[in-house]
Amino acid sequence: MSARNQRPAREDGGTIRSSTYTSLLPWQVRERRFAPVGFGRRGLNPDDVYAFLDRVAVDMAAVYAALAESRRETAQIKAGLRRWQTGQARARNERGQAR
């Protein structure tokens, strides 16, 4: 990967973005069209394509980071629920044995 395509990473694993940056929406990706290169050449302007791919990569990194955070939170909630259920079951068993 070229240095041009790399983004500085934050300590929390995310990427650094301007406060005015707006994430791409799926319809924007689907409808994106690139200008053809100059006369006498074939294909698309590579700078346009690379700039767009960089932006898509940044948005994907943000989505994956949010997904990872959501999974961590879900694991914590599940663990807390299991501890609570175990405590409730023990209390119920102790009440049953005391009779």
Protein backbone atom coordinates (compact mmCIF):
# COMPACT_ATOMS: atom_id res chain seq x y z
CA MET A 1 0.00 0.00 0.00
CA SER A 2 1.40 3.38 -0.88
CA ALA A 3 1.93 6.02 1.79
CA ARG A 4 -0.68 8.14 0.06
CA ASN A 5 -3.38 5.58 0.87
CA GLN A 6 -2.50 5.30 4.55
CA ARG A 7 -4.23 7.28 7.28
CA PRO A 8 -2.76 8.17 10.67
CA ALA A 9 -4.28 5.98 13.36
CA ARG A 10 -5.45 7.10 16.78
CA GLU A 11 -4.52 5.24 19.94
CA ASP A 12 -8.05 3.85 20.21
CA GLY A 13 -7.70 2.20 16.80
CA GLY A 14 -9.86 4.70 14.91
CA THR A 15 -8.74 7.12 12.28
CA ILE A 16 -8.31 10.87 12.52
CA ARG A 17 -11.01 12.83 10.69
CA SER A 18 -12.03 16.43 10.31
CA SER A 19 -15.16 17.47 12.17
CA THR A 20 -16.65 18.48 8.81
CA TYR A 21 -16.12 14.99 7.34
CA THR A 22 -19.36 13.21 6.49
CA SER A 23 -19.42 9.45 6.09
CA LEU A 24 -20.35 7.93 2.78
CA LEU A 25 -23.82 6.51 2.43
CA PRO A 26 -24.46 3.30 0.45
CA TRP A 27 -26.30 5.15 -2.31
CA GLN A 28 -23.31 7.46 -2.76
CA VAL A 29 -21.04 4.48 -3.39
CA ARG A 30 -23.51 2.85 -5.79
CA GLU A 31 -24.05 6.02 -7.81
CA ARG A 32 -20.43 7.22 -7.90
CA ARG A 33 -19.14 7.82 -11.44
CA PHE A 34 -15.58 8.75 -12.39
CA ALA A 35 -14.53 11.06 -15.19
CA PRO A 36 -12.62 9.48 -18.06
CA VAL A 37 -8.95 10.34 -18.41
CA GLY A 38 -7.69 12.87 -20.93
CA PHE A 39 -7.82 12.58 -24.70
CA GLY A 40 -5.77 9.73 -26.13
CA ARG A 41 -5.88 7.59 -22.97
CA ARG A 42 -8.34 4.94 -21.91
CA GLY A 43 -9.92 4.30 -18.54
CA LEU A 44 -10.63 6.41 -15.47
CA ASN A 45 -8.60 9.10 -13.79
CA PRO A 46 -6.50 7.16 -11.26
CA ASP A 47 -6.35 10.07 -8.80
CA ASP A 48 -10.17 10.22 -8.64
CA VAL A 49 -10.42 6.46 -8.12
CA TYR A 50 -7.74 6.36 -5.40
CA ALA A 51 -9.25 9.32 -3.56
CA PHE A 52 -12.64 7.60 -3.56
CA LEU A 53 -11.16 4.27 -2.45
CA ASP A 54 -9.36 6.05 0.40
CA ARG A 55 -12.66 7.53 1.55
CA VAL A 56 -14.44 4.17 1.35
CA ALA A 57 -11.61 2.56 3.34
CA VAL A 58 -11.88 5.19 6.08
CA ASP A 59 -15.63 4.67 6.36
CA MET A 60 -15.22 0.89 6.43
CA ALA A 61 -12.61 1.18 9.19
CA ALA A 62 -15.05 3.29 11.23
CA VAL A 63 -17.82 0.71 10.72
CA TYR A 64 -15.56 -2.16 11.77
CA ALA A 65 -14.38 -0.22 14.84
CA ALA A 66 -17.99 0.46 15.85
CA LEU A 67 -18.86 -3.20 15.31
CA ALA A 68 -15.94 -4.32 17.48
CA GLU A 69 -17.00 -1.90 20.23
CA SER A 70 -20.58 -3.16 20.02
CA ARG A 71 -19.36 -6.75 20.35
CA ARG A 72 -17.27 -5.83 23.41
CA GLU A 73 -20.28 -4.16 25.02
CA THR A 74 -22.48 -7.14 24.20
CA ALA A 75 -19.97 -9.51 25.80
CA GLN A 76 -19.90 -7.37 28.96
CA ILE A 77 -23.68 -7.28 29.17
CA LYS A 78 -23.93 -11.04 28.66
CA ALA A 79 -21.34 -11.68 31.36
CA GLY A 80 -23.20 -9.38 33.77
CA LEU A 81 -26.48 -11.12 33.02
CA ARG A 82 -24.91 -14.53 33.63
CA ARG A 83 -23.53 -13.36 36.99
CA TRP A 84 -26.93 -11.99 37.97
CA GLN A 85 -28.72 -15.19 36.90
CA THR A 86 -26.22 -17.30 38.83
CA GLY A 87 -26.78 -15.19 41.94
CA GLN A 88 -30.55 -15.48 41.56
CA ALA A 89 -30.34 -19.27 41.13
CA ARG A 90 -28.13 -19.62 44.22
CA ALA A 91 -30.48 -17.47 46.29
CA ARG A 92 -33.45 -19.54 45.11
CA ASN A 93 -31.65 -22.79 45.98
CA GLU A 94 -30.68 -21.50 49.43
CA ARG A 95 -34.29 -20.49 50.14
CA GLY A 96 -35.48 -23.93 49.02
CA GLN A 97 -32.98 -25.77 51.25
CA ALA A 98 -33.82 -23.63 54.28
CA ARG A 99 -37.43 -24.87 54.33
